[in-house]
Structures are given as C-alpha cells and as structure tokens.
C-alpha cells in the first residue's frame, strides 16, 4: 500500500511537469537537465542506468 501510494505520487508529479513544460522530452534526466544544467542531467541519467544495471545483476545473482 505504501509503495503503491508512492508510485501514484511519482506518476502525478511527472504528469504535472509534462503539462507545465510540454517542450521538455520525457524522462527523469530531461527534467534534471532543464532544472539544474547539463552536468546534473548527466549524473541523473548515469545513476538511473547504473541503478537499473545493478538491480538486474543483484536480482539474477
């Protein structure tokens, strides 16, 4: 129930951002880049990819 509430809240945040800033490409790193610059956008994308890779490795390991 807690995780479901968090997922719905996160979906609403991205929906609100997409409505307010339709010119930004979808994705976590695009919003970070628009708000904080190129370096933070890169770090956001890098951490997302690293987390996905590590999550899959730990799941299968």
N, C-alpha and C. Protein backbone atom coordinates (compact mmCIF):
# COMPACT_ATOMS: atom_id res chain seq x y z
N UNK A 1 0.83 -1.19 0.00
CA UNK A 1 0.00 0.00 0.00
C UNK A 1 0.88 1.26 0.00
N UNK A 2 1.95 1.21 0.78
CA UNK A 2 2.87 2.36 0.83
C UNK A 2 3.56 2.55 -0.51
N UNK A 3 4.02 1.46 -1.10
CA UNK A 3 4.71 1.52 -2.39
C UNK A 3 3.74 2.00 -3.48
N UNK A 4 2.53 1.52 -3.47
CA UNK A 4 1.53 1.94 -4.44
C UNK A 4 1.23 3.42 -4.33
N UNK A 5 1.15 3.93 -3.12
CA UNK A 5 0.92 5.36 -2.91
C UNK A 5 2.09 6.17 -3.44
N UNK A 6 3.30 5.69 -3.20
CA UNK A 6 4.49 6.38 -3.70
C UNK A 6 4.54 6.37 -5.22
N UNK A 7 4.18 5.25 -5.82
CA UNK A 7 4.17 5.18 -7.28
C UNK A 7 3.15 6.13 -7.89
N UNK A 8 1.98 6.20 -7.29
CA UNK A 8 0.95 7.13 -7.78
C UNK A 8 1.39 8.57 -7.61
N UNK A 9 2.03 8.89 -6.50
CA UNK A 9 2.52 10.25 -6.28
C UNK A 9 3.59 10.61 -7.30
N UNK A 10 4.49 9.71 -7.59
CA UNK A 10 5.53 9.97 -8.58
C UNK A 10 4.93 10.14 -9.97
N UNK A 11 3.95 9.33 -10.31
CA UNK A 11 3.28 9.47 -11.61
C UNK A 11 2.59 10.82 -11.72
N UNK A 12 1.97 11.27 -10.64
CA UNK A 12 1.30 12.58 -10.66
C UNK A 12 2.30 13.72 -10.81
N UNK A 13 3.46 13.60 -10.19
CA UNK A 13 4.50 14.62 -10.33
C UNK A 13 4.94 14.74 -11.78
N UNK A 14 5.20 13.62 -12.43
CA UNK A 14 5.63 13.65 -13.82
C UNK A 14 4.51 14.12 -14.74
N UNK A 15 3.28 13.79 -14.41
CA UNK A 15 2.15 14.27 -15.21
C UNK A 15 2.04 15.79 -15.10
N UNK A 16 2.17 16.32 -13.91
CA UNK A 16 2.09 17.76 -13.71
C UNK A 16 3.23 18.47 -14.42
N UNK A 17 4.42 17.92 -14.35
CA UNK A 17 5.56 18.53 -15.05
C UNK A 17 5.38 18.48 -16.55
N UNK A 18 4.83 17.39 -17.07
CA UNK A 18 4.61 17.29 -18.51
C UNK A 18 3.58 18.30 -18.98
N UNK A 19 2.59 18.59 -18.16
CA UNK A 19 1.59 19.59 -18.52
C UNK A 19 2.18 20.99 -18.47
N UNK A 20 2.98 21.26 -17.46
CA UNK A 20 3.55 22.60 -17.30
C UNK A 20 4.68 22.89 -18.29
N UNK A 21 5.46 21.89 -18.63
CA UNK A 21 6.61 22.06 -19.54
C UNK A 21 6.52 21.04 -20.67
N UNK A 22 5.63 21.24 -21.64
CA UNK A 22 5.49 20.24 -22.71
C UNK A 22 6.67 20.19 -23.67
N UNK A 23 7.53 21.20 -23.67
CA UNK A 23 8.66 21.22 -24.59
C UNK A 23 9.82 20.34 -24.14
N UNK A 24 9.82 19.90 -22.89
CA UNK A 24 10.90 19.05 -22.37
C UNK A 24 10.59 17.60 -22.73
N UNK A 25 11.61 16.89 -23.21
CA UNK A 25 11.45 15.47 -23.51
C UNK A 25 11.10 14.71 -22.23
N UNK A 26 10.33 13.63 -22.35
CA UNK A 26 10.01 12.86 -21.15
C UNK A 26 11.24 12.14 -20.60
N UNK A 27 11.25 11.96 -19.33
CA UNK A 27 12.36 11.24 -18.69
C UNK A 27 12.88 12.01 -17.49
N UNK A 28 13.39 11.26 -16.56
CA UNK A 28 13.90 11.87 -15.33
C UNK A 28 15.07 12.80 -15.62
N UNK A 29 15.99 12.38 -16.47
CA UNK A 29 17.18 13.17 -16.71
C UNK A 29 16.88 14.44 -17.49
N UNK A 30 15.84 14.45 -18.31
CA UNK A 30 15.49 15.66 -19.06
C UNK A 30 15.02 16.75 -18.11
N UNK A 31 14.25 16.39 -17.10
CA UNK A 31 13.81 17.38 -16.13
C UNK A 31 14.97 17.87 -15.27
N UNK A 32 15.87 16.97 -14.91
CA UNK A 32 17.05 17.38 -14.13
C UNK A 32 17.94 18.30 -14.95
N UNK A 33 18.10 18.00 -16.22
CA UNK A 33 18.92 18.84 -17.09
C UNK A 33 18.30 20.22 -17.26
N UNK A 34 16.99 20.27 -17.45
CA UNK A 34 16.30 21.55 -17.62
C UNK A 34 16.35 22.38 -16.35
N UNK A 35 16.28 21.73 -15.21
CA UNK A 35 16.25 22.46 -13.95
C UNK A 35 17.61 22.81 -13.38
N UNK A 36 18.60 21.94 -13.58
CA UNK A 36 19.87 22.11 -12.89
C UNK A 36 21.09 22.15 -13.80
N UNK A 37 20.90 21.97 -15.11
CA UNK A 37 22.02 22.06 -16.04
C UNK A 37 22.45 20.72 -16.60
N UNK A 38 23.42 20.80 -17.51
CA UNK A 38 23.87 19.61 -18.23
C UNK A 38 24.52 18.58 -17.31
N UNK A 39 25.34 19.03 -16.38
CA UNK A 39 26.07 18.09 -15.51
C UNK A 39 25.10 17.29 -14.63
N UNK A 40 24.15 17.96 -14.04
CA UNK A 40 23.19 17.25 -13.19
C UNK A 40 22.29 16.34 -14.02
N UNK A 41 21.97 16.76 -15.24
CA UNK A 41 21.22 15.88 -16.13
C UNK A 41 21.99 14.61 -16.45
N UNK A 42 23.29 14.77 -16.71
CA UNK A 42 24.14 13.61 -16.97
C UNK A 42 24.21 12.70 -15.74
N UNK A 43 24.42 13.28 -14.56
CA UNK A 43 24.50 12.46 -13.35
C UNK A 43 23.19 11.74 -13.07
N UNK A 44 22.09 12.40 -13.33
CA UNK A 44 20.80 11.77 -13.12
C UNK A 44 20.63 10.57 -14.05
N UNK A 45 20.96 10.74 -15.32
CA UNK A 45 20.85 9.64 -16.27
C UNK A 45 21.83 8.51 -15.93
N UNK A 46 23.04 8.88 -15.56
CA UNK A 46 24.06 7.88 -15.22
C UNK A 46 23.63 7.06 -14.01
N UNK A 47 23.14 7.72 -12.99
CA UNK A 47 22.71 7.00 -11.78
C UNK A 47 21.50 6.12 -12.05
N UNK A 48 20.60 6.60 -12.91
CA UNK A 48 19.44 5.80 -13.26
C UNK A 48 19.87 4.52 -13.97
N UNK A 49 20.75 4.66 -14.96
CA UNK A 49 21.23 3.49 -15.70
C UNK A 49 22.02 2.55 -14.79
N UNK A 50 22.87 3.11 -13.95
CA UNK A 50 23.66 2.28 -13.03
C UNK A 50 22.75 1.53 -12.07
N UNK A 51 21.75 2.20 -11.56
CA UNK A 51 20.80 1.54 -10.65
C UNK A 51 20.03 0.43 -11.33
N UNK A 52 19.66 0.64 -12.59
CA UNK A 52 18.96 -0.40 -13.34
C UNK A 52 19.86 -1.61 -13.57
N UNK A 53 21.09 -1.35 -13.95
CA UNK A 53 22.03 -2.45 -14.19
C UNK A 53 22.31 -3.22 -12.91
N UNK A 54 22.61 -2.51 -11.84
CA UNK A 54 22.90 -3.18 -10.58
C UNK A 54 21.68 -3.92 -10.04
N UNK A 55 20.51 -3.33 -10.19
CA UNK A 55 19.30 -4.01 -9.75
C UNK A 55 19.10 -5.33 -10.47
N UNK A 56 19.32 -5.32 -11.78
CA UNK A 56 19.19 -6.56 -12.55
C UNK A 56 20.26 -7.57 -12.16
N UNK A 57 21.49 -7.10 -11.96
CA UNK A 57 22.57 -8.02 -11.58
C UNK A 57 22.30 -8.66 -10.22
N UNK A 58 21.85 -7.87 -9.26
CA UNK A 58 21.58 -8.42 -7.93
C UNK A 58 20.37 -9.33 -7.94
N UNK A 59 19.43 -9.04 -8.81
CA UNK A 59 18.25 -9.91 -8.91
C UNK A 59 18.64 -11.27 -9.46
N UNK A 60 19.44 -11.27 -10.51
CA UNK A 60 19.82 -12.52 -11.14
C UNK A 60 20.99 -13.22 -10.44
N UNK A 61 21.71 -12.48 -9.57
CA UNK A 61 22.90 -13.06 -8.92
C UNK A 61 22.64 -13.83 -7.71
